[in-house]
Amino acid sequence: MTLSSTPSGAASVEQVTARFLRMLSIALEQLEAVRDADARAEFAGLTARAGALEQETNELEREIEDACLRAFAAPLSEDELAFHLVVFRSLTNLERVGDYALKLARDLERFAPRARSATLQDVLPLVRLLSRMLERLAYAFAERDLSAAREVMRLDYEQVDALYEQMGRASLTRLLERPEDTEVALAAGQIARNLERLGDHLVNVAERLEALVLGRVTRQQAAPTH
């Protein structure tokens, strides 16, 4: 189902909201697929699953982008304009979230058979935390909830960064203790970095949402560029 080609401002807000929430839901599904694969100790097929979800994300990105561009050409209230600007600017962030989730799936499917359980277990707390951030961001977006948006930022600053540093130290320790596991240790470090960047993109969206709720998004802030 595609978005209406000639929506009113209010109708466009409703339709774009639903599609944007679906993009967040897809990212959550990608991370949940990783957790499920770990629980079953079966990583085969994880890349294909994440890739199918990523394809849907890309389709939604194009669809929402087109809807926003159409909305910008139509009469909009100031609130409607601010909303579409926030969504338009956040699409790249959500697309990158999907990219990092897909990279995670690929890396785990490739290295899980060779990695020791401790290496894989280091990843899971960060995946669980990012899942929590996605859930709170979806709630914040759906309800225009300022506290939920700020919780996303707080979780990143207080916990994601700490877990990222912890994973980095653990990978370095294993690298020193077991030089034969160099490739896996380096891969674990890269996985941690990708997950930390995924969190950064969620924070970017949360910050824009905070500005929207507080009324800081104005016409002067940004005539859209593409």
Protein backbone atom coordinates (compact mmCIF):
# COMPACT_ATOMS: atom_id res chain seq x y z
CA MET A 1 0.00 0.00 0.00
CA THR A 2 1.46 3.35 -1.03
CA LEU A 3 0.85 6.70 0.53
CA SER A 4 -1.86 8.86 -0.97
CA SER A 5 -0.58 11.00 -3.84
CA THR A 6 -2.56 14.06 -2.76
CA PRO A 7 -2.93 13.93 1.03
CA SER A 8 -4.04 16.85 3.13
CA GLY A 9 -1.54 17.99 5.75
CA ALA A 10 -3.34 16.11 8.53
CA ALA A 11 -3.76 12.97 6.46
CA SER A 12 -0.11 13.08 5.45
CA VAL A 13 0.94 13.34 9.11
CA GLU A 14 -1.15 10.28 9.96
CA GLN A 15 0.13 8.21 7.04
CA VAL A 16 3.77 9.19 7.46
CA THR A 17 3.59 8.49 11.20
CA ALA A 18 2.41 4.94 10.53
CA ARG A 19 5.18 4.29 8.00
CA PHE A 20 7.86 5.85 10.18
CA LEU A 21 6.80 3.68 13.10
CA ARG A 22 7.03 0.66 10.82
CA MET A 23 10.65 1.58 10.02
CA LEU A 24 11.40 1.61 13.75
CA SER A 25 9.59 -1.70 14.14
CA ILE A 26 11.69 -3.28 11.39
CA ALA A 27 14.92 -2.26 13.11
CA LEU A 28 13.60 -3.82 16.31
CA GLU A 29 12.75 -7.03 14.43
CA GLN A 30 16.30 -7.16 13.09
CA LEU A 31 17.76 -6.98 16.59
CA GLU A 32 15.23 -9.48 17.92
CA ALA A 33 16.27 -11.88 15.16
CA VAL A 34 19.82 -11.68 16.50
CA ARG A 35 18.64 -12.42 20.03
CA ASP A 36 16.53 -15.33 18.81
CA ALA A 37 19.46 -16.77 16.85
CA ASP A 38 21.63 -16.62 19.95
CA ALA A 39 18.95 -18.24 22.11
CA ARG A 40 18.69 -21.11 19.62
CA ALA A 41 22.47 -21.16 19.04
CA GLU A 42 21.64 -21.21 15.33
CA PHE A 43 22.89 -18.29 13.24
CA ALA A 44 22.41 -19.79 9.77
CA GLY A 45 19.95 -17.73 7.76
CA LEU A 46 20.28 -14.67 10.00
CA THR A 47 21.69 -12.54 7.18
CA ALA A 48 18.85 -13.46 4.84
CA ARG A 49 16.26 -12.57 7.47
CA ALA A 50 17.88 -9.23 8.26
CA GLY A 51 18.35 -8.53 4.56
CA ALA A 52 14.67 -9.03 3.80
CA LEU A 53 13.78 -6.59 6.56
CA GLU A 54 16.36 -4.13 5.28
CA GLN A 55 14.77 -4.24 1.83
CA GLU A 56 11.44 -3.25 3.38
CA THR A 57 13.19 -0.41 5.20
CA ASN A 58 14.61 0.92 1.94
CA GLU A 59 11.21 0.79 0.27
CA LEU A 60 9.62 2.63 3.17
CA GLU A 61 12.37 5.24 3.12
CA ARG A 62 11.67 6.07 -0.52
CA GLU A 63 7.92 6.08 0.07
CA ILE A 64 8.09 8.41 3.06
CA GLU A 65 10.59 10.68 1.35
CA ASP A 66 8.24 11.11 -1.60
CA ALA A 67 5.34 11.79 0.77
CA CYS A 68 7.31 14.47 2.61
CA LEU A 69 8.34 16.17 -0.62
CA ARG A 70 4.72 16.23 -1.76
CA ALA A 71 3.70 17.64 1.60
CA PHE A 72 6.27 20.43 1.36
CA ALA A 73 4.66 21.53 -1.90
CA ALA A 74 1.20 21.71 -0.29
CA PRO A 75 -0.29 24.17 2.19
CA LEU A 76 0.76 23.07 5.69
CA SER A 77 0.26 24.43 9.15
CA GLU A 78 3.41 25.31 11.07
CA ASP A 79 3.06 22.14 13.16
CA GLU A 80 2.57 19.98 10.06
CA LEU A 81 5.62 21.51 8.42
CA ALA A 82 7.72 20.95 11.53
CA PHE A 83 6.61 17.31 11.70
CA HIS A 84 7.49 16.59 8.07
CA LEU A 85 10.88 18.27 8.47
CA VAL A 86 11.71 16.07 11.44
CA VAL A 87 10.71 12.91 9.58
CA PHE A 88 12.48 13.94 6.38
CA ARG A 89 15.73 14.62 8.19
CA SER A 90 15.47 11.40 10.22
CA LEU A 91 15.04 9.03 7.29
CA THR A 92 18.77 8.73 6.69
CA ASN A 93 19.28 7.90 10.37
CA LEU A 94 16.79 5.05 10.27
CA GLU A 95 18.24 3.78 7.01
CA ARG A 96 21.66 3.68 8.66
CA VAL A 97 20.19 1.90 11.70
CA GLY A 98 18.99 -0.81 9.32
CA ASP A 99 22.40 -0.98 7.67
CA TYR A 100 24.16 -1.51 10.99
CA ALA A 101 21.65 -4.14 12.05
CA LEU A 102 22.29 -5.97 8.77
CA LYS A 103 26.06 -5.76 9.31
CA LEU A 104 25.56 -7.25 12.76
CA ALA A 105 23.62 -10.17 11.31
CA ARG A 106 26.29 -10.80 8.66
CA ASP A 107 29.15 -10.66 11.15
CA LEU A 108 27.45 -12.96 13.61
CA GLU A 109 26.49 -15.51 10.97
CA ARG A 110 30.07 -15.48 9.73
CA PHE A 111 31.89 -15.60 13.05
CA ALA A 112 29.48 -17.27 15.46
CA PRO A 113 30.63 -20.82 14.62
CA ARG A 114 34.20 -19.82 15.44
CA ALA A 115 33.64 -17.44 18.33
CA ARG A 116 33.74 -18.52 21.93
CA SER A 117 30.53 -18.09 23.88
CA ALA A 118 32.00 -15.27 25.97
CA THR A 119 32.66 -13.22 22.83
CA LEU A 120 29.06 -13.58 21.66
CA GLN A 121 27.65 -12.92 25.10
CA ASP A 122 29.43 -9.57 25.15
CA VAL A 123 27.26 -8.48 22.23
CA LEU A 124 23.89 -9.32 23.75
CA PRO A 125 23.66 -6.67 26.50
CA LEU A 126 24.26 -3.98 23.89
CA VAL A 127 21.68 -5.51 21.54
CA ARG A 128 19.12 -5.66 24.37
CA LEU A 129 19.81 -2.04 25.29
CA LEU A 130 19.43 -0.85 21.71
CA SER A 131 16.16 -2.77 21.47
CA ARG A 132 14.96 -0.89 24.53
CA MET A 133 15.99 2.40 22.93
CA LEU A 134 14.04 1.54 19.78
CA GLU A 135 10.95 0.71 21.81
CA ARG A 136 11.14 3.99 23.72
CA LEU A 137 11.81 5.97 20.55
CA ALA A 138 8.75 4.46 18.86
CA TYR A 139 6.63 5.37 21.89
CA ALA A 140 8.08 8.88 21.96
CA PHE A 141 7.33 9.37 18.28
CA ALA A 142 3.81 7.96 18.43
CA GLU A 143 2.83 9.90 21.55
CA ARG A 144 5.08 12.95 21.14
CA ASP A 145 6.40 12.01 24.56
CA LEU A 146 9.29 14.19 25.67
CA SER A 147 10.38 12.00 28.58
CA ALA A 148 10.60 8.92 26.37
CA ALA A 149 12.70 10.80 23.80
CA ARG A 150 15.04 11.96 26.54
CA GLU A 151 15.25 8.42 27.91
CA VAL A 152 16.62 7.30 24.55
CA MET A 153 19.36 9.91 24.83
CA ARG A 154 20.07 9.04 28.46
CA LEU A 155 20.36 5.31 27.73
CA ASP A 156 22.89 6.05 25.03
CA TYR A 157 25.00 8.44 27.08
CA GLU A 158 24.90 6.43 30.29
CA GLN A 159 24.87 2.82 29.10
CA VAL A 160 25.62 2.29 25.40
CA ASP A 161 28.93 4.11 25.55
CA ALA A 162 29.93 2.21 28.70
CA LEU A 163 29.06 -1.16 27.16
CA TYR A 164 30.94 -0.24 23.99
CA GLU A 165 34.07 0.54 26.00
CA GLN A 166 33.62 -2.67 27.98
CA MET A 167 33.41 -4.73 24.80
CA GLY A 168 36.49 -3.02 23.46
CA ARG A 169 38.48 -3.88 26.56
CA ALA A 170 37.24 -7.48 26.51
CA SER A 171 38.22 -7.88 22.85
CA LEU A 172 41.68 -6.48 23.54
CA THR A 173 42.14 -8.83 26.50
CA ARG A 174 41.20 -11.87 24.42
CA LEU A 175 43.47 -10.68 21.63
CA LEU A 176 46.41 -10.58 24.04
CA GLU A 177 45.56 -13.88 25.71
CA ARG A 178 44.73 -15.84 22.54
CA PRO A 179 46.59 -14.44 19.52
CA GLU A 180 45.17 -17.27 17.40
CA ASP A 181 41.72 -15.68 17.81
CA THR A 182 42.83 -12.37 16.31
CA GLU A 183 40.26 -12.27 13.53
CA VAL A 184 37.35 -13.03 15.85
CA ALA A 185 38.54 -10.51 18.43
CA LEU A 186 38.84 -7.79 15.81
CA ALA A 187 35.42 -8.69 14.44
CA ALA A 188 33.95 -8.40 17.94
CA GLY A 189 35.46 -4.96 18.25
CA GLN A 190 33.96 -3.91 14.93
CA ILE A 191 30.56 -5.28 15.94
CA ALA A 192 30.72 -3.17 19.10
CA ARG A 193 31.60 -0.08 17.07
CA ASN A 194 28.74 -0.65 14.66
CA LEU A 195 26.27 -1.06 17.52
CA GLU A 196 27.55 2.13 19.16
CA ARG A 197 26.97 3.99 15.90
CA LEU A 198 23.49 2.49 15.62
CA GLY A 199 22.74 4.04 19.00
CA ASP A 200 24.06 7.40 17.82
CA HIS A 201 21.53 7.41 14.97
CA LEU A 202 18.69 6.69 17.39
CA VAL A 203 19.85 9.62 19.51
CA ASN A 204 19.81 11.89 16.46
CA VAL A 205 16.16 11.05 15.88
CA ALA A 206 15.34 11.50 19.56
CA GLU A 207 16.97 14.93 19.56
CA ARG A 208 14.89 16.04 16.59
CA LEU A 209 11.78 14.72 18.26
CA GLU A 210 12.64 16.65 21.41
CA ALA A 211 12.91 19.81 19.34
CA LEU A 212 9.56 19.06 17.69
CA VAL A 213 7.78 18.56 21.01
CA LEU A 214 9.32 21.73 22.42
CA GLY A 215 8.33 23.71 19.33
CA ARG A 216 11.89 24.43 18.23
CA VAL A 217 11.46 23.25 14.65
CA THR A 218 10.58 26.33 12.60
CA ARG A 219 10.33 27.32 8.98
CA GLN A 220 13.60 29.20 9.30
CA GLN A 221 15.46 26.11 10.45
CA ALA A 222 15.28 24.35 7.22
CA ALA A 223 13.94 24.58 3.86
CA PRO A 224 14.40 20.95 2.90
CA THR A 225 17.30 20.05 0.68
CA HIS A 226 17.70 16.85 -1.25
